[in-house]
Amino acid sequence: MTNTFLQIDEKDLIQNLKLGVLEVLFEKKNGDTRLMHCTLRSSYFKKPYLTEEERQNHANYYAQNEAEPHKIRTLTVWDVDENDWRSFRLDKIMSCQLTAQ
C-alpha cells in the first residue's frame, strides 16, 4: 500500500492549531498510522511544553541548525486525548481537519 502525504503549509497548520482542535492522520516512524486530536490553543494545556532550561537548549539547537532548510520538520502539539505533548513529522501528514474550536 502506498501512502499519500499532503503538502501542508506549516504557517496555516499552526494558525489552525491555535484556533482549536485538529484531527491529524499521519504516519509514525515505525510505519504505523495514527489519528491524533491535537491543538496549540493554550486553554487545553495541562503542563508547559518546555522548562526554561529546555527552552534555552531548543533555542541554541535552532540557532545552530537554521542554515539547514532540508532538515525534516516536526511539529510539537498538545494531544487532547492523551493530555500530553506529542510530535509528528510534517512530511508524513495524510489528512488534517479542524474538529473543534
Protein backbone atom coordinates (compact mmCIF):
# COMPACT_ATOMS: atom_id res chain seq x y z
CA MET A 1 0.00 0.00 0.00
CA THR A 2 1.28 3.46 -0.90
CA ASN A 3 0.54 6.34 1.46
CA THR A 4 -0.40 9.72 0.06
CA PHE A 5 1.06 12.54 2.11
CA LEU A 6 -0.28 16.08 1.97
CA GLN A 7 1.74 19.16 1.21
CA ILE A 8 0.93 21.22 4.29
CA ASP A 9 1.70 24.90 4.74
CA GLU A 10 3.28 24.98 8.18
CA LYS A 11 2.11 28.51 8.99
CA ASP A 12 -1.52 27.69 8.09
CA LEU A 13 -1.35 24.48 10.11
CA ILE A 14 -0.05 26.30 13.18
CA GLN A 15 -2.69 29.02 12.79
CA ASN A 16 -5.45 26.38 12.68
CA LEU A 17 -3.96 24.57 15.68
CA LYS A 18 -4.10 27.83 17.64
CA LEU A 19 -7.80 28.19 16.75
CA GLY A 20 -8.90 24.81 18.05
CA VAL A 21 -8.54 21.05 17.81
CA LEU A 22 -7.37 19.40 14.60
CA GLU A 23 -7.76 15.76 13.68
CA VAL A 24 -4.45 14.78 12.09
CA LEU A 25 -3.78 11.41 10.45
CA PHE A 26 -0.07 10.78 9.99
CA GLU A 27 2.46 8.02 9.56
CA LYS A 28 4.60 7.27 12.60
CA LYS A 29 8.33 6.47 12.47
CA ASN A 30 7.61 2.74 12.60
CA GLY A 31 5.27 2.95 9.58
CA ASP A 32 2.01 2.66 11.55
CA THR A 33 -0.64 5.33 11.09
CA ARG A 34 -2.05 7.36 13.94
CA LEU A 35 -5.08 9.62 14.24
CA MET A 36 -4.42 12.38 16.78
CA HIS A 37 -6.68 15.13 18.07
CA CYS A 38 -4.29 17.97 18.76
CA THR A 39 -4.09 21.70 19.39
CA LEU A 40 -1.84 24.63 20.16
CA ARG A 41 -4.64 26.52 21.93
CA SER A 42 -3.29 27.27 25.39
CA SER A 43 -6.61 26.70 27.18
CA TYR A 44 -6.11 22.94 26.57
CA PHE A 45 -2.59 22.66 28.03
CA LYS A 46 -2.22 20.86 31.34
CA LYS A 47 1.52 21.49 31.61
CA PRO A 48 4.15 23.62 29.85
CA TYR A 49 5.96 22.13 26.89
CA LEU A 50 9.42 23.22 27.98
CA THR A 51 11.18 24.19 31.15
CA GLU A 52 13.36 27.30 30.97
CA GLU A 53 16.48 25.14 30.52
CA GLU A 54 14.83 23.14 27.73
CA ARG A 55 13.76 26.40 26.04
CA GLN A 56 17.37 27.58 26.01
CA ASN A 57 18.60 24.25 24.64
CA HIS A 58 15.99 24.39 21.85
CA ALA A 59 16.93 27.99 21.04
CA ASN A 60 20.59 27.02 20.80
CA TYR A 61 19.76 23.99 18.65
CA TYR A 62 17.68 26.01 16.19
CA ALA A 63 20.27 28.79 16.02
CA GLN A 64 22.94 26.23 15.08
CA ASN A 65 20.74 24.46 12.52
CA GLU A 66 18.97 27.44 10.93
CA ALA A 67 21.07 27.11 7.79
CA GLU A 68 19.76 23.60 7.11
CA PRO A 69 16.35 24.06 5.46
CA HIS A 70 16.45 20.49 4.11
CA LYS A 71 16.10 19.08 7.64
CA ILE A 72 12.90 17.21 8.33
CA ARG A 73 10.42 19.45 10.14
CA THR A 74 8.47 18.20 13.11
CA LEU A 75 5.69 19.91 14.99
CA THR A 76 5.05 19.51 18.71
CA VAL A 77 1.39 19.78 19.68
CA TRP A 78 -0.88 19.11 22.65
CA ASP A 79 -2.62 15.72 22.23
CA VAL A 80 -6.08 16.33 23.74
CA ASP A 81 -6.80 12.60 24.14
CA GLU A 82 -3.51 11.79 25.92
CA ASN A 83 -3.29 15.15 27.76
CA ASP A 84 0.38 15.47 26.91
CA TRP A 85 2.78 16.85 24.32
CA ARG A 86 3.39 14.80 21.17
CA SER A 87 5.05 15.48 17.85
CA PHE A 88 4.82 14.37 14.25
CA ARG A 89 6.70 14.96 11.03
CA LEU A 90 5.10 17.49 8.72
CA ASP A 91 6.00 15.44 5.65
CA LYS A 92 4.07 12.42 6.99
CA ILE A 93 0.61 14.03 7.31
CA MET A 94 -2.05 12.08 5.41
CA SER A 95 -5.11 14.15 6.36
CA CYS A 96 -5.94 17.10 8.54
CA GLN A 97 -9.18 18.82 9.52
CA LEU A 98 -10.44 21.22 12.18
CA THR A 99 -12.85 19.42 14.53
CA ALA A 100 -13.49 21.87 17.41
CA GLN A 101 -12.88 25.46 18.42
